[in-house]
C-alpha cells in the first residue's frame, strides 16, 4: 500500500500560525496582569469566563490550522484506493479495476466507473495544505498501467510550481505583521511586570 499525504502549503504559513499562537498566549498573559493588578479598574468590568473561553477558542483554532492537513490522506495499491478524512471519520474506497475514466482537474482527481457524469471517487489536491506530488505521480502511474482513459487539465500539479510562490509571500507578510503586534504586546507585558 502506498500513501498520498498532504503537506502545509508554505513554511511561512506555519510560522505565521505559530507567531499568532504566541500572540494569543502573550495577550492572555496581559489579560491576567490587568485582572491581577486591577489596572485602570478594568478588573470589575471584564467578563472573565467569556474572555477565557474566547482565548481558548482562538488558541484551538490556531492549533487546528497548524496540524489540520494531517487528518487527510489516501492509501492505494494496484486494486483499491481509499481516501481517509480522519476529521469527520469518513473513508471512501474504490476498486480501481472497475474504473473506466479519470479526470484530473485543478481541484483534484475524479474517477468514474461508468459513462455517467457522477464520479465514484474524488481525491482532492487541497486539504488545509497541498497534496504530495510524489504520491499523485505514483497514483497516476497505477491509473496508466490499468489502461484507464485519463483526461488531464494541467501540466504542473496545482499547489506547486512558481505561480504558488505568492502564497508564501502573503504568509510572510502576515507573519511580519503578527510579529510586530507580538513585540508590542510582549513589551507591554514586561513593562507591567517591572512596574509592579
Protein backbone atom coordinates (compact mmCIF):
# COMPACT_ATOMS: atom_id res chain seq x y z
CA UNK A 1 0.00 0.00 0.00
CA UNK A 2 1.22 3.45 -0.91
CA UNK A 3 0.16 6.64 0.83
CA UNK A 4 -0.65 10.08 -0.58
CA UNK A 5 -0.10 12.68 2.14
CA UNK A 6 -0.84 16.38 2.44
CA UNK A 7 1.74 18.94 3.49
CA UNK A 8 1.47 22.52 4.69
CA UNK A 9 1.21 24.87 1.72
CA UNK A 10 4.14 27.07 2.81
CA UNK A 11 6.61 27.15 5.70
CA UNK A 12 5.74 30.83 6.14
CA UNK A 13 2.12 29.77 6.80
CA UNK A 14 3.27 27.56 9.67
CA UNK A 15 5.47 30.38 11.03
CA UNK A 16 2.52 32.79 10.82
CA UNK A 17 0.25 30.43 12.75
CA UNK A 18 2.96 29.82 15.35
CA UNK A 19 3.52 33.56 15.86
CA UNK A 20 -0.25 34.07 16.03
CA UNK A 21 -0.44 31.40 18.75
CA UNK A 22 2.34 33.14 20.69
CA UNK A 23 0.48 36.44 20.30
CA UNK A 24 -2.66 34.87 21.79
CA UNK A 25 -0.69 33.48 24.74
CA UNK A 26 1.02 36.86 25.32
CA UNK A 27 -2.32 38.68 25.13
CA UNK A 28 -3.69 36.21 27.67
CA UNK A 29 -0.76 36.99 30.00
CA UNK A 30 -1.55 40.68 29.54
CA UNK A 31 -5.19 39.97 30.44
CA UNK A 32 -4.09 38.15 33.60
CA UNK A 33 -1.90 41.10 34.54
CA UNK A 34 -4.78 43.55 34.08
CA UNK A 35 -7.01 41.37 36.27
CA UNK A 36 -4.34 40.74 38.93
CA UNK A 37 -3.12 44.31 39.28
CA UNK A 38 -6.58 45.85 38.58
CA UNK A 39 -5.09 48.28 36.06
CA UNK A 40 -7.38 51.31 35.50
CA UNK A 41 -10.12 49.46 37.44
CA UNK A 42 -10.80 47.16 34.48
CA UNK A 43 -10.94 44.05 36.67
CA UNK A 44 -14.55 44.69 37.68
CA UNK A 45 -15.72 45.47 34.13
CA UNK A 46 -14.37 42.42 32.27
CA UNK A 47 -16.31 39.16 31.94
CA UNK A 48 -13.60 36.71 32.97
CA UNK A 49 -15.34 33.49 31.88
CA UNK A 50 -16.18 34.80 28.40
CA UNK A 51 -12.66 36.14 27.93
CA UNK A 52 -11.06 32.84 28.99
CA UNK A 53 -13.32 30.90 26.62
CA UNK A 54 -12.51 33.33 23.78
CA UNK A 55 -8.74 32.96 24.26
CA UNK A 56 -9.09 29.17 24.43
CA UNK A 57 -11.13 29.14 21.22
CA UNK A 58 -8.54 31.34 19.45
CA UNK A 59 -5.73 29.05 20.56
CA UNK A 60 -7.62 25.90 19.49
CA UNK A 61 -8.26 27.43 16.05
CA UNK A 62 -4.55 28.18 15.64
CA UNK A 63 -3.55 24.66 16.68
CA UNK A 64 -6.17 23.20 14.33
CA UNK A 65 -4.90 25.15 11.31
CA UNK A 66 -1.31 24.25 12.25
CA UNK A 67 -1.94 20.48 12.06
CA UNK A 68 -5.23 20.09 10.10
CA UNK A 69 -3.60 18.78 6.92
CA UNK A 70 -2.52 15.64 8.81
CA UNK A 71 -6.13 14.45 9.15
CA UNK A 72 -6.41 13.68 5.42
CA UNK A 73 -4.62 11.06 3.31
CA UNK A 74 -5.17 8.38 0.66
CA UNK A 75 -3.97 4.78 0.64
CA UNK A 76 -3.81 2.86 -2.63
CA UNK A 77 -2.41 -0.23 -4.32
CA UNK A 78 -2.92 -1.83 -7.73
CA UNK A 79 -6.53 -2.75 -6.97
CA UNK A 80 -8.03 -0.30 -4.47
CA UNK A 81 -7.82 3.32 -3.40
CA UNK A 82 -9.19 4.67 -0.11
CA UNK A 83 -9.47 8.34 0.81
CA UNK A 84 -9.48 8.98 4.57
CA UNK A 85 -10.93 12.02 6.31
CA UNK A 86 -9.99 11.45 9.96
CA UNK A 87 -11.54 14.77 10.97
CA UNK A 88 -15.07 13.62 10.05
CA UNK A 89 -14.20 9.91 10.45
CA UNK A 90 -15.10 9.13 6.87
CA UNK A 91 -13.48 7.00 4.24
CA UNK A 92 -14.31 6.31 0.62
CA UNK A 93 -12.97 3.24 -1.20
CA UNK A 94 -13.00 2.41 -4.89
CA UNK A 95 -11.97 -0.71 -6.76
CA UNK A 96 -9.56 0.53 -9.44
CA UNK A 97 -10.39 -2.48 -11.65
CA UNK A 98 -13.88 -1.01 -12.18
CA UNK A 99 -12.67 2.49 -13.11
CA UNK A 100 -13.17 3.43 -16.78
CA UNK A 101 -12.18 7.08 -16.77
CA UNK A 102 -10.11 9.52 -14.69
CA UNK A 103 -10.48 13.28 -14.89
CA UNK A 104 -7.63 15.33 -13.39
CA UNK A 105 -8.72 18.92 -12.78
CA UNK A 106 -7.17 21.74 -10.75
CA UNK A 107 -9.18 20.79 -7.65
CA UNK A 108 -8.43 17.06 -7.67
CA UNK A 109 -8.87 13.70 -9.37
CA UNK A 110 -12.31 12.33 -10.25
CA UNK A 111 -12.66 8.62 -11.01
CA UNK A 112 -15.67 7.29 -12.93
CA UNK A 113 -16.81 3.67 -13.00
CA UNK A 114 -19.16 4.06 -15.96
CA UNK A 115 -20.07 6.61 -18.61
CA UNK A 116 -22.40 8.74 -16.46
CA UNK A 117 -21.38 12.15 -15.11
CA UNK A 118 -21.36 11.21 -11.44
CA UNK A 119 -17.91 10.39 -10.09
CA UNK A 120 -17.43 7.34 -7.89
CA UNK A 121 -14.29 8.66 -6.18
CA UNK A 122 -12.75 12.10 -5.59
CA UNK A 123 -9.18 12.76 -4.47
CA UNK A 124 -8.79 16.47 -3.58
CA UNK A 125 -5.49 18.28 -4.10
CA UNK A 126 -6.06 20.75 -1.22
CA UNK A 127 -6.97 19.83 2.35
CA UNK A 128 -5.62 22.56 4.68
CA UNK A 129 -2.40 22.10 2.73
CA UNK A 130 -1.23 20.75 -0.62
CA UNK A 131 -1.00 17.18 -1.80
CA UNK A 132 2.28 15.31 -2.17
CA UNK A 133 3.44 15.35 -5.82
CA UNK A 134 5.26 12.03 -5.41
CA UNK A 135 2.12 10.29 -4.18
CA UNK A 136 -0.01 11.73 -7.00
CA UNK A 137 2.62 10.71 -9.56
CA UNK A 138 2.63 7.12 -8.25
CA UNK A 139 -1.19 7.06 -8.30
CA UNK A 140 -1.15 8.41 -11.87
CA UNK A 141 1.21 5.59 -12.90
CA UNK A 142 -1.16 3.00 -11.42
CA UNK A 143 -4.04 4.51 -13.40
CA UNK A 144 -1.98 4.40 -16.61
CA UNK A 145 -0.98 0.76 -16.04
CA UNK A 146 -4.65 -0.17 -15.85
CA UNK A 147 -5.31 1.46 -19.26
CA UNK A 148 -7.82 3.89 -17.75
CA UNK A 149 -8.76 6.77 -20.02
CA UNK A 150 -7.16 9.86 -18.43
CA UNK A 151 -8.16 13.48 -19.08
CA UNK A 152 -5.68 15.96 -17.61
CA UNK A 153 -6.30 19.74 -17.40
CA UNK A 154 -2.92 20.88 -16.04
CA UNK A 155 0.79 20.44 -16.67
CA UNK A 156 2.10 21.28 -13.18
CA UNK A 157 0.34 19.84 -10.15
CA UNK A 158 -1.86 22.54 -8.55
CA UNK A 159 -0.39 23.89 -5.34
CA UNK A 160 3.17 23.51 -6.64
CA UNK A 161 5.27 25.48 -9.07
CA UNK A 162 6.30 29.12 -9.44
CA UNK A 163 2.78 30.53 -9.53
CA UNK A 164 2.18 29.42 -5.95
CA UNK A 165 5.12 31.39 -4.54
CA UNK A 166 2.73 34.30 -3.90
CA UNK A 167 1.11 32.21 -1.14
CA UNK A 168 4.44 32.05 0.67
CA UNK A 169 4.97 35.81 0.19
CA UNK A 170 1.47 36.56 1.54
CA UNK A 171 2.01 34.44 4.65
CA UNK A 172 5.44 36.03 5.16
CA UNK A 173 3.80 39.48 5.22
CA UNK A 174 1.14 38.25 7.65
CA UNK A 175 3.85 36.69 9.85
CA UNK A 176 5.73 40.01 9.95
CA UNK A 177 2.55 41.88 10.94
CA UNK A 178 1.82 39.32 13.67
CA UNK A 179 5.44 39.55 14.86
CA UNK A 180 5.15 43.35 15.13
CA UNK A 181 2.00 43.02 17.21
CA UNK A 182 3.61 40.28 19.33
CA UNK A 183 6.62 42.52 20.02
CA UNK A 184 4.41 45.40 21.19
CA UNK A 185 2.32 43.13 23.43
CA UNK A 186 5.40 41.47 24.90
CA UNK A 187 6.96 44.88 25.63
CA UNK A 188 3.77 45.92 27.44
CA UNK A 189 3.76 42.70 29.50
CA UNK A 190 7.39 43.23 30.51
CA UNK A 191 6.71 46.90 31.38
CA UNK A 192 3.78 45.93 33.62
CA UNK A 193 5.88 43.25 35.36
CA UNK A 194 8.65 45.78 36.02
CA UNK A 195 6.27 48.44 37.35
CA UNK A 196 4.61 46.10 39.84
